[in-house]
Amino acid sequence: MDLPGPIHDILVVFLGFVLVLGGLGVVLLTNPIYSAFLLGLVLLCISLFYILSNSYFVAAAQLLIYVGAINVLIIFVLMFMNSPEWSKDQDHWTIGDGVTSLLSTILLFLLMTTILDTSWYGIIWTTRSNQILEQDLNNKVQQIGIHLSTDFYLPFELISIILLVSLIGAITMARQ
């Protein structure tokens, strides 16, 4: 997406902010339904990052596979579990939580030092190689589109119908 520099920067900062807040919400909220919806928001923000970097096919694949399939599957599982609210009597902090948070903090600092110590000026972008890669990618995307609309049209539509029926079934079972 060809946007002016300041608008692009504002969108990147905004999406990064939403991504970090959504990731924290996924981890910190105790209600699994809210966590699943925030995971969908995080995956949507990642696909918007792909759109900002002109990777439209990867953005579409991200939306279809992760938001449209994986996140919906997670929500189906949570609806089928139909568990009562989380008990307030449970210990909220265990030894495993402490070990996990310690290892995560160590990993965070290792990643931060690696990112800060890396010389990012050695990355060279050539316009000719980008044009060749873009043409190859456009040809492959067109081939995928042609196969989906001709050879694999019936399986593609059947899968969408099966997903719709399973969504209706999950909603019906969750309401009972």
N, C-alpha and C. Protein backbone atom coordinates (compact mmCIF):
# COMPACT_ATOMS: atom_id res chain seq x y z
N MET A 1 0.85 -1.16 0.00
CA MET A 1 0.00 0.00 0.00
C MET A 1 0.90 1.23 0.00
N ASP A 2 0.73 2.06 -0.98
CA ASP A 2 1.55 3.24 -1.12
C ASP A 2 0.91 4.41 -0.39
N LEU A 3 1.35 4.63 0.83
CA LEU A 3 0.85 5.74 1.64
C LEU A 3 1.97 6.73 1.87
N PRO A 4 1.63 7.97 2.11
CA PRO A 4 2.68 8.93 2.48
C PRO A 4 3.36 8.50 3.77
N GLY A 5 4.62 8.90 3.92
CA GLY A 5 5.43 8.46 5.05
C GLY A 5 4.82 8.67 6.42
N PRO A 6 4.33 9.87 6.75
CA PRO A 6 3.77 10.07 8.09
C PRO A 6 2.53 9.23 8.36
N ILE A 7 1.67 9.08 7.36
CA ILE A 7 0.47 8.26 7.56
C ILE A 7 0.85 6.80 7.76
N HIS A 8 1.81 6.32 6.97
CA HIS A 8 2.29 4.95 7.12
C HIS A 8 2.87 4.73 8.51
N ASP A 9 3.67 5.68 8.97
CA ASP A 9 4.27 5.55 10.30
C ASP A 9 3.22 5.56 11.41
N ILE A 10 2.21 6.42 11.26
CA ILE A 10 1.14 6.47 12.27
C ILE A 10 0.38 5.16 12.29
N LEU A 11 0.09 4.59 11.12
CA LEU A 11 -0.61 3.30 11.08
C LEU A 11 0.22 2.18 11.68
N VAL A 12 1.52 2.18 11.42
CA VAL A 12 2.39 1.14 11.99
C VAL A 12 2.42 1.24 13.51
N VAL A 13 2.55 2.46 14.03
CA VAL A 13 2.57 2.65 15.48
C VAL A 13 1.23 2.26 16.09
N PHE A 14 0.13 2.65 15.46
CA PHE A 14 -1.20 2.31 15.97
C PHE A 14 -1.41 0.79 15.97
N LEU A 15 -1.07 0.14 14.86
CA LEU A 15 -1.23 -1.31 14.79
C LEU A 15 -0.33 -2.02 15.79
N GLY A 16 0.87 -1.51 15.97
CA GLY A 16 1.77 -2.11 16.98
C GLY A 16 1.21 -1.96 18.38
N PHE A 17 0.64 -0.80 18.67
CA PHE A 17 0.03 -0.56 19.97
C PHE A 17 -1.15 -1.51 20.19
N VAL A 18 -2.02 -1.64 19.20
CA VAL A 18 -3.16 -2.55 19.32
C VAL A 18 -2.69 -4.00 19.43
N LEU A 19 -1.63 -4.34 18.70
CA LEU A 19 -1.08 -5.69 18.75
C LEU A 19 -0.55 -6.02 20.13
N VAL A 20 0.18 -5.11 20.73
CA VAL A 20 0.73 -5.35 22.07
C VAL A 20 -0.38 -5.43 23.11
N LEU A 21 -1.34 -4.51 23.05
CA LEU A 21 -2.46 -4.55 24.01
C LEU A 21 -3.30 -5.82 23.83
N GLY A 22 -3.54 -6.21 22.58
CA GLY A 22 -4.29 -7.44 22.34
C GLY A 22 -3.56 -8.66 22.83
N GLY A 23 -2.24 -8.70 22.62
CA GLY A 23 -1.44 -9.84 23.12
C GLY A 23 -1.45 -9.91 24.63
N LEU A 24 -1.36 -8.75 25.28
CA LEU A 24 -1.44 -8.74 26.74
C LEU A 24 -2.83 -9.19 27.20
N GLY A 25 -3.86 -8.78 26.48
CA GLY A 25 -5.20 -9.22 26.84
C GLY A 25 -5.39 -10.72 26.68
N VAL A 26 -4.78 -11.29 25.64
CA VAL A 26 -4.87 -12.74 25.43
C VAL A 26 -4.26 -13.47 26.61
N VAL A 27 -3.16 -12.98 27.10
CA VAL A 27 -2.43 -13.67 28.16
C VAL A 27 -3.02 -13.38 29.54
N LEU A 28 -3.45 -12.16 29.78
CA LEU A 28 -3.82 -11.76 31.14
C LEU A 28 -5.29 -11.97 31.49
N LEU A 29 -6.19 -11.98 30.52
CA LEU A 29 -7.61 -12.14 30.84
C LEU A 29 -7.90 -13.58 31.25
N THR A 30 -8.77 -13.74 32.24
CA THR A 30 -9.08 -15.09 32.72
C THR A 30 -10.23 -15.73 31.96
N ASN A 31 -11.07 -14.95 31.30
CA ASN A 31 -12.17 -15.50 30.53
C ASN A 31 -11.64 -15.96 29.17
N PRO A 32 -11.71 -17.25 28.86
CA PRO A 32 -11.13 -17.74 27.61
C PRO A 32 -11.83 -17.23 26.35
N ILE A 33 -13.11 -16.89 26.45
CA ILE A 33 -13.80 -16.35 25.28
C ILE A 33 -13.23 -14.99 24.90
N TYR A 34 -13.01 -14.14 25.91
CA TYR A 34 -12.41 -12.83 25.64
C TYR A 34 -11.00 -12.99 25.07
N SER A 35 -10.25 -13.96 25.61
CA SER A 35 -8.91 -14.20 25.10
C SER A 35 -8.94 -14.66 23.65
N ALA A 36 -9.90 -15.48 23.29
CA ALA A 36 -10.00 -15.96 21.91
C ALA A 36 -10.35 -14.81 20.96
N PHE A 37 -11.25 -13.93 21.38
CA PHE A 37 -11.59 -12.79 20.52
C PHE A 37 -10.41 -11.82 20.39
N LEU A 38 -9.66 -11.64 21.46
CA LEU A 38 -8.49 -10.77 21.38
C LEU A 38 -7.40 -11.41 20.52
N LEU A 39 -7.32 -12.74 20.53
CA LEU A 39 -6.40 -13.42 19.63
C LEU A 39 -6.78 -13.15 18.18
N GLY A 40 -8.07 -13.15 17.89
CA GLY A 40 -8.52 -12.79 16.55
C GLY A 40 -8.13 -11.37 16.18
N LEU A 41 -8.21 -10.45 17.14
CA LEU A 41 -7.78 -9.07 16.89
C LEU A 41 -6.28 -9.00 16.61
N VAL A 42 -5.50 -9.76 17.37
CA VAL A 42 -4.05 -9.78 17.15
C VAL A 42 -3.72 -10.31 15.76
N LEU A 43 -4.38 -11.39 15.36
CA LEU A 43 -4.12 -11.97 14.04
C LEU A 43 -4.59 -11.03 12.93
N LEU A 44 -5.65 -10.30 13.17
CA LEU A 44 -6.11 -9.30 12.20
C LEU A 44 -5.09 -8.17 12.06
N CYS A 45 -4.51 -7.73 13.17
CA CYS A 45 -3.48 -6.68 13.11
C CYS A 45 -2.25 -7.17 12.35
N ILE A 46 -1.90 -8.42 12.52
CA ILE A 46 -0.76 -8.97 11.78
C ILE A 46 -1.04 -8.95 10.29
N SER A 47 -2.27 -9.31 9.91
CA SER A 47 -2.60 -9.27 8.47
C SER A 47 -2.59 -7.83 7.95
N LEU A 48 -2.97 -6.87 8.77
CA LEU A 48 -2.90 -5.47 8.35
C LEU A 48 -1.45 -5.01 8.20
N PHE A 49 -0.55 -5.55 9.03
CA PHE A 49 0.88 -5.27 8.83
C PHE A 49 1.34 -5.78 7.47
N TYR A 50 0.86 -6.96 7.10
CA TYR A 50 1.21 -7.51 5.78
C TYR A 50 0.68 -6.62 4.66
N ILE A 51 -0.51 -6.08 4.83
CA ILE A 51 -1.05 -5.18 3.81
C ILE A 51 -0.20 -3.92 3.70
N LEU A 52 0.23 -3.39 4.84
CA LEU A 52 1.08 -2.19 4.82
C LEU A 52 2.43 -2.45 4.15
N SER A 53 2.89 -3.70 4.18
CA SER A 53 4.17 -4.01 3.54
C SER A 53 3.98 -4.57 2.13
N ASN A 54 2.79 -4.36 1.54
CA ASN A 54 2.47 -4.77 0.17
C ASN A 54 2.51 -6.27 -0.06
N SER A 55 2.24 -7.06 0.96
CA SER A 55 2.17 -8.52 0.83
C SER A 55 0.71 -8.93 0.93
N TYR A 56 -0.03 -8.68 -0.14
CA TYR A 56 -1.47 -8.87 -0.10
C TYR A 56 -1.87 -10.33 -0.02
N PHE A 57 -1.15 -11.19 -0.71
CA PHE A 57 -1.51 -12.61 -0.67
C PHE A 57 -1.27 -13.19 0.71
N VAL A 58 -0.16 -12.82 1.33
CA VAL A 58 0.13 -13.32 2.68
C VAL A 58 -0.91 -12.78 3.66
N ALA A 59 -1.35 -11.54 3.47
CA ALA A 59 -2.40 -10.97 4.32
C ALA A 59 -3.71 -11.74 4.16
N ALA A 60 -4.06 -12.05 2.93
CA ALA A 60 -5.29 -12.82 2.69
C ALA A 60 -5.18 -14.22 3.28
N ALA A 61 -4.02 -14.85 3.11
CA ALA A 61 -3.82 -16.18 3.69
C ALA A 61 -3.88 -16.11 5.22
N GLN A 62 -3.32 -15.07 5.80
CA GLN A 62 -3.37 -14.88 7.25
C GLN A 62 -4.82 -14.77 7.72
N LEU A 63 -5.62 -13.99 7.01
CA LEU A 63 -7.01 -13.84 7.39
C LEU A 63 -7.79 -15.14 7.24
N LEU A 64 -7.59 -15.81 6.12
CA LEU A 64 -8.35 -17.04 5.86
C LEU A 64 -7.95 -18.16 6.80
N ILE A 65 -6.66 -18.36 6.96
CA ILE A 65 -6.20 -19.52 7.72
C ILE A 65 -6.27 -19.28 9.22
N TYR A 66 -5.67 -18.21 9.69
CA TYR A 66 -5.58 -18.01 11.13
C TYR A 66 -6.84 -17.41 11.73
N VAL A 67 -7.33 -16.35 11.15
CA VAL A 67 -8.54 -15.73 11.72
C VAL A 67 -9.76 -16.55 11.36
N GLY A 68 -9.84 -16.97 10.09
CA GLY A 68 -11.04 -17.65 9.63
C GLY A 68 -11.13 -19.11 10.02
N ALA A 69 -10.01 -19.76 10.27
CA ALA A 69 -10.07 -21.19 10.58
C ALA A 69 -9.59 -21.49 12.00
N ILE A 70 -8.37 -21.11 12.31
CA ILE A 70 -7.80 -21.48 13.60
C ILE A 70 -8.53 -20.79 14.75
N ASN A 71 -8.76 -19.49 14.62
CA ASN A 71 -9.42 -18.77 15.71
C ASN A 71 -10.88 -19.21 15.85
N VAL A 72 -11.55 -19.47 14.75
CA VAL A 72 -12.92 -19.97 14.82
C VAL A 72 -12.94 -21.36 15.46
N LEU A 73 -11.94 -22.18 15.17
CA LEU A 73 -11.85 -23.50 15.81
C LEU A 73 -11.66 -23.37 17.31
N ILE A 74 -10.83 -22.43 17.73
CA ILE A 74 -10.63 -22.20 19.17
C ILE A 74 -11.95 -21.78 19.82
N ILE A 75 -12.69 -20.90 19.16
CA ILE A 75 -13.98 -20.45 19.72
C ILE A 75 -14.97 -21.61 19.75
N PHE A 76 -14.95 -22.49 18.72
CA PHE A 76 -15.82 -23.67 18.74
C PHE A 76 -15.50 -24.55 19.95
N VAL A 77 -14.23 -24.78 20.19
CA VAL A 77 -13.83 -25.64 21.31
C VAL A 77 -14.30 -25.02 22.62
N LEU A 78 -14.14 -23.72 22.76
CA LEU A 78 -14.58 -23.07 24.00
C LEU A 78 -16.09 -23.14 24.16
N MET A 79 -16.81 -23.06 23.05
CA MET A 79 -18.27 -23.16 23.13
C MET A 79 -18.70 -24.58 23.46
N PHE A 80 -17.98 -25.58 22.94
CA PHE A 80 -18.33 -26.96 23.24
C PHE A 80 -18.01 -27.33 24.68
N MET A 81 -16.98 -26.71 25.23
CA MET A 81 -16.61 -27.03 26.62
C MET A 81 -17.74 -26.64 27.56
N ASN A 82 -18.34 -25.48 27.30
CA ASN A 82 -19.48 -25.01 28.08
C ASN A 82 -19.22 -25.09 29.58
N SER A 83 -18.02 -24.68 29.97
CA SER A 83 -17.65 -24.77 31.38
C SER A 83 -18.19 -23.58 32.15
N PRO A 84 -18.42 -23.76 33.45
CA PRO A 84 -18.86 -22.61 34.24
C PRO A 84 -17.73 -21.60 34.38
N GLU A 85 -18.07 -20.47 34.93
CA GLU A 85 -17.05 -19.43 35.12
C GLU A 85 -15.91 -20.00 35.95
N TRP A 86 -14.75 -19.42 35.75
CA TRP A 86 -13.57 -19.89 36.46
C TRP A 86 -13.76 -19.67 37.96
N SER A 87 -13.33 -20.63 38.70
CA SER A 87 -13.51 -20.59 40.15
C SER A 87 -12.61 -19.53 40.76
N LYS A 88 -13.14 -18.83 41.73
CA LYS A 88 -12.37 -17.81 42.43
C LYS A 88 -11.49 -18.43 43.51
N ASP A 89 -11.72 -19.71 43.82
CA ASP A 89 -10.96 -20.36 44.88
C ASP A 89 -9.61 -20.88 44.42
N GLN A 90 -9.36 -20.88 43.14
CA GLN A 90 -8.10 -21.42 42.63
C GLN A 90 -6.96 -20.48 42.98
N ASP A 91 -5.78 -21.09 43.15
CA ASP A 91 -4.58 -20.27 43.35
C ASP A 91 -4.26 -19.59 42.03
N HIS A 92 -4.04 -18.30 42.08
CA HIS A 92 -3.79 -17.57 40.85
C HIS A 92 -2.31 -17.55 40.50
N TRP A 93 -1.45 -17.98 41.38
CA TRP A 93 -0.02 -17.97 41.11
C TRP A 93 0.57 -19.28 41.61
N THR A 94 1.13 -20.05 40.68
CA THR A 94 1.73 -21.32 41.04
C THR A 94 3.23 -21.28 40.74
N ILE A 95 3.92 -22.34 41.08
CA ILE A 95 5.36 -22.41 40.81
C ILE A 95 5.60 -22.43 39.30
N GLY A 96 4.74 -23.11 38.57
CA GLY A 96 4.86 -23.14 37.11
C GLY A 96 4.71 -21.76 36.49
N ASP A 97 3.83 -20.96 37.06
CA ASP A 97 3.67 -19.58 36.57
C ASP A 97 4.94 -18.77 36.80
N GLY A 98 5.56 -18.96 37.97
CA GLY A 98 6.79 -18.24 38.27
C GLY A 98 7.93 -18.64 37.34
N VAL A 99 8.06 -19.94 37.09
CA VAL A 99 9.11 -20.42 36.19
C VAL A 99 8.87 -19.91 34.77
N THR A 100 7.61 -19.95 34.35
CA THR A 100 7.28 -19.47 33.01
C THR A 100 7.56 -17.98 32.86
N SER A 101 7.17 -17.19 33.85
CA SER A 101 7.42 -15.75 33.75
C SER A 101 8.91 -15.44 33.80
N LEU A 102 9.68 -16.18 34.59
CA LEU A 102 11.13 -15.97 34.64
C LEU A 102 11.77 -16.30 33.29
N LEU A 103 11.40 -17.44 32.70
CA LEU A 103 11.96 -17.82 31.40
C LEU A 103 11.53 -16.86 30.30
N SER A 104 10.29 -16.39 30.37
CA SER A 104 9.82 -15.43 29.37
C SER A 104 10.56 -14.10 29.48
N THR A 105 10.82 -13.66 30.70
CA THR A 105 11.57 -12.41 30.89
C THR A 105 13.00 -12.54 30.39
N ILE A 106 13.64 -13.67 30.67
CA ILE A 106 15.00 -13.91 30.17
C ILE A 106 15.00 -13.91 28.65
N LEU A 107 14.03 -14.59 28.04
CA LEU A 107 13.94 -14.62 26.58
C LEU A 107 13.70 -13.23 26.00
N LEU A 108 12.86 -12.43 26.67
CA LEU A 108 12.61 -11.07 26.22
C LEU A 108 13.89 -10.25 26.20
N PHE A 109 14.68 -10.33 27.28
CA PHE A 109 15.92 -9.56 27.33
C PHE A 109 16.95 -10.06 26.32
N LEU A 110 17.00 -11.38 26.10
CA LEU A 110 17.90 -11.91 25.08
C LEU A 110 17.52 -11.42 23.68
N LEU A 111 16.24 -11.41 23.39
CA LEU A 111 15.78 -10.91 22.10
C LEU A 111 16.05 -9.42 21.95
N MET A 112 15.84 -8.66 23.02
CA MET A 112 16.09 -7.23 22.94
C MET A 112 17.56 -6.93 22.70
N THR A 113 18.45 -7.65 23.38
CA THR A 113 19.89 -7.41 23.15
C THR A 113 20.30 -7.86 21.76
N THR A 114 19.72 -8.93 21.25
CA THR A 114 20.04 -9.38 19.89
C THR A 114 19.58 -8.35 18.86
N ILE A 115 18.38 -7.82 19.04
CA ILE A 115 17.87 -6.83 18.10
C ILE A 115 18.70 -5.56 18.14
N LEU A 116 19.08 -5.13 19.34
CA LEU A 116 19.85 -3.90 19.47
C LEU A 116 21.29 -4.06 18.97
N ASP A 117 21.85 -5.28 19.06
CA ASP A 117 23.23 -5.50 18.63
C ASP A 117 23.35 -5.82 17.14
N THR A 118 22.23 -6.05 16.46
CA THR A 118 22.26 -6.40 15.04
C THR A 118 22.45 -5.14 14.21
N SER A 119 23.31 -5.23 13.21
CA SER A 119 23.51 -4.12 12.29
C SER A 119 22.48 -4.23 11.18
N TRP A 120 21.51 -3.35 11.20
CA TRP A 120 20.43 -3.39 10.23
C TRP A 120 20.78 -2.65 8.95
N TYR A 121 21.94 -2.02 8.90
CA TYR A 121 22.33 -1.26 7.72
C TYR A 121 22.87 -2.15 6.61
N GLY A 122 23.14 -3.41 6.88
CA GLY A 122 23.67 -4.31 5.87
C GLY A 122 22.61 -4.90 4.96
N ILE A 123 21.36 -4.62 5.24
CA ILE A 123 20.28 -5.16 4.42
C ILE A 123 20.16 -4.30 3.17
N ILE A 124 20.26 -4.92 2.02
CA ILE A 124 20.21 -4.20 0.75
C ILE A 124 18.96 -4.62 0.00
N TRP A 125 18.19 -3.65 -0.41
CA TRP A 125 16.99 -3.90 -1.20
C TRP A 125 17.26 -3.42 -2.62
N THR A 126 17.19 -4.31 -3.56
CA THR A 126 17.38 -3.92 -4.96
C THR A 126 16.02 -3.92 -5.65
N THR A 127 15.79 -2.92 -6.46
CA THR A 127 14.49 -2.80 -7.10
C THR A 127 14.31 -3.85 -8.19
N ARG A 128 15.38 -4.23 -8.86
CA ARG A 128 15.25 -5.22 -9.94
C ARG A 128 14.84 -6.58 -9.38
N SER A 129 15.49 -7.01 -8.32
CA SER A 129 15.13 -8.32 -7.76
C SER A 129 13.73 -8.29 -7.17
N ASN A 130 13.32 -7.15 -6.60
CA ASN A 130 11.95 -7.04 -6.09
C ASN A 130 10.93 -7.11 -7.21
N GLN A 131 11.23 -6.50 -8.36
CA GLN A 131 10.29 -6.56 -9.48
C GLN A 131 10.16 -7.98 -10.00
N ILE A 132 11.27 -8.70 -10.09
CA ILE A 132 11.22 -10.09 -10.55
C ILE A 132 10.44 -10.95 -9.57
N LEU A 133 10.70 -10.79 -8.27
CA LEU A 133 9.97 -11.56 -7.27
C LEU A 133 8.48 -11.22 -7.29
N GLU A 134 8.15 -9.96 -7.50
CA GLU A 134 6.75 -9.55 -7.54
C GLU A 134 6.03 -10.16 -8.75
N GLN A 135 6.71 -10.20 -9.91
CA GLN A 135 6.10 -10.81 -11.09
C GLN A 135 5.89 -12.31 -10.88
N ASP A 136 6.89 -12.99 -10.30
CA ASP A 136 6.73 -14.42 -10.02
C ASP A 136 5.59 -14.67 -9.05
N LEU A 137 5.49 -13.83 -8.00
CA LEU A 137 4.43 -13.99 -7.03
C LEU A 137 3.07 -13.73 -7.65
N ASN A 138 2.98 -12.71 -8.52
CA ASN A 138 1.70 -12.44 -9.19
C ASN A 138 1.28 -13.62 -10.06
N ASN A 139 2.24 -14.24 -10.76
CA ASN A 139 1.91 -15.41 -11.58
C ASN A 139 1.42 -16.56 -10.71
N LYS A 140 2.08 -16.78 -9.57
CA LYS A 140 1.68 -17.88 -8.69
C LYS A 140 0.31 -17.61 -8.07
N VAL A 141 0.07 -16.37 -7.68
CA VAL A 141 -1.23 -16.03 -7.10
C VAL A 141 -2.33 -16.20 -8.14
N GLN A 142 -2.06 -15.80 -9.38
CA GLN A 142 -3.04 -15.99 -10.43
C GLN A 142 -3.30 -17.48 -10.67
N GLN A 143 -2.26 -18.30 -10.62
CA GLN A 143 -2.45 -19.75 -10.80
C GLN A 143 -3.28 -20.32 -9.67
N ILE A 144 -3.03 -19.88 -8.44
CA ILE A 144 -3.83 -20.36 -7.31
C ILE A 144 -5.29 -19.95 -7.49
N GLY A 145 -5.52 -18.69 -7.90
CA GLY A 145 -6.88 -18.23 -8.13
C GLY A 145 -7.58 -19.00 -9.24
N ILE A 146 -6.84 -19.31 -10.30
CA ILE A 146 -7.43 -20.07 -11.41
C ILE A 146 -7.80 -21.48 -10.94
N HIS A 147 -6.91 -22.11 -10.17
CA HIS A 147 -7.21 -23.47 -9.68
C HIS A 147 -8.39 -23.46 -8.70
N LEU A 148 -8.47 -22.44 -7.83
CA LEU A 148 -9.59 -22.39 -6.89
C LEU A 148 -10.92 -22.14 -7.60
N SER A 149 -10.90 -21.38 -8.69
CA SER A 149 -12.16 -21.07 -9.36
C SER A 149 -12.52 -22.06 -10.46
N THR A 150 -11.64 -23.00 -10.78
CA THR A 150 -11.96 -23.99 -11.81
C THR A 150 -11.86 -25.42 -11.27
N ASP A 151 -10.66 -25.89 -11.01
CA ASP A 151 -10.45 -27.29 -10.63
C ASP A 151 -10.99 -27.61 -9.24
N PHE A 152 -10.81 -26.70 -8.30
CA PHE A 152 -11.17 -26.97 -6.91
C PHE A 152 -12.37 -26.16 -6.46
N TYR A 153 -13.24 -25.81 -7.39
CA TYR A 153 -14.40 -24.99 -7.04
C TYR A 153 -15.37 -25.75 -6.13
N LEU A 154 -15.70 -26.98 -6.49
CA LEU A 154 -16.65 -27.76 -5.70
C LEU A 154 -16.12 -28.06 -4.30
N PRO A 155 -14.88 -28.55 -4.14
CA PRO A 155 -14.39 -28.77 -2.76
C PRO A 155 -14.32 -27.48 -1.95
N PHE A 156 -13.96 -26.38 -2.59
CA PHE A 156 -13.88 -25.10 -1.89
C PHE A 156 -15.25 -24.70 -1.37
N GLU A 157 -16.28 -24.84 -2.17
CA GLU A 157 -17.63 -24.49 -1.74
C GLU A 157 -18.16 -25.48 -0.71
N LEU A 158 -17.83 -26.76 -0.85
CA LEU A 158 -18.28 -27.75 0.14
C LEU A 158 -17.66 -27.48 1.51
N ILE A 159 -16.40 -27.09 1.53
CA ILE A 159 -15.76 -26.77 2.81
C ILE A 159 -16.43 -25.57 3.46
N SER A 160 -16.79 -24.57 2.68
CA SER A 160 -17.47 -23.41 3.26
C SER A 160 -18.84 -23.79 3.81
N ILE A 161 -19.55 -24.69 3.14
CA ILE A 161 -20.85 -25.14 3.64
C ILE A 161 -20.67 -25.95 4.92
N ILE A 162 -19.65 -26.82 4.97
CA ILE A 162 -19.40 -27.62 6.17
C ILE A 162 -19.06 -26.71 7.35
N LEU A 163 -18.25 -25.68 7.11
CA LEU A 163 -17.92 -24.74 8.19
C LEU A 163 -19.15 -23.98 8.66
N LEU A 164 -20.02 -23.61 7.74
CA LEU A 164 -21.25 -22.91 8.13
C LEU A 164 -22.15 -23.81 8.96
N VAL A 165 -22.31 -25.07 8.55
CA VAL A 165 -23.14 -26.01 9.31
C VAL A 165 -22.56 -26.26 10.69
N SER A 166 -21.23 -26.38 10.77
CA SER A 166 -20.61 -26.61 12.09
C SER A 166 -20.76 -25.38 12.98
N LEU A 167 -20.72 -24.19 12.41
CA LEU A 167 -20.94 -22.97 13.20
C LEU A 167 -22.35 -22.94 13.74
N ILE A 168 -23.33 -23.26 12.91
CA ILE A 168 -24.72 -23.28 13.37
C ILE A 168 -24.91 -24.36 14.43
N GLY A 169 -24.29 -25.52 14.25
CA GLY A 169 -24.38 -26.59 15.25
C GLY A 169 -23.74 -26.20 16.57
N ALA A 170 -22.59 -25.54 16.51
CA ALA A 170 -21.92 -25.12 17.74
C ALA A 170 -22.76 -24.09 18.50
N ILE A 171 -23.37 -23.17 17.77
CA ILE A 171 -24.21 -22.17 18.42
C ILE A 171 -25.44 -22.83 19.04
N THR A 172 -26.02 -23.79 18.34
CA THR A 172 -27.19 -24.49 18.86
C THR A 172 -26.86 -25.29 20.11
N MET A 173 -25.72 -25.99 20.08
CA MET A 173 -25.33 -26.78 21.23
C MET A 173 -24.93 -25.91 22.41
N ALA A 174 -24.33 -24.76 22.14
CA ALA A 174 -23.89 -23.88 23.23
C ALA A 174 -25.09 -23.22 23.92
N ARG A 175 -26.17 -22.99 23.20
CA ARG A 175 -27.33 -22.35 23.78
C ARG A 175 -28.09 -23.29 24.69
N GLN A 176 -27.96 -24.60 24.52
CA GLN A 176 -28.70 -25.55 25.34
C GLN A 176 -28.02 -25.71 26.62
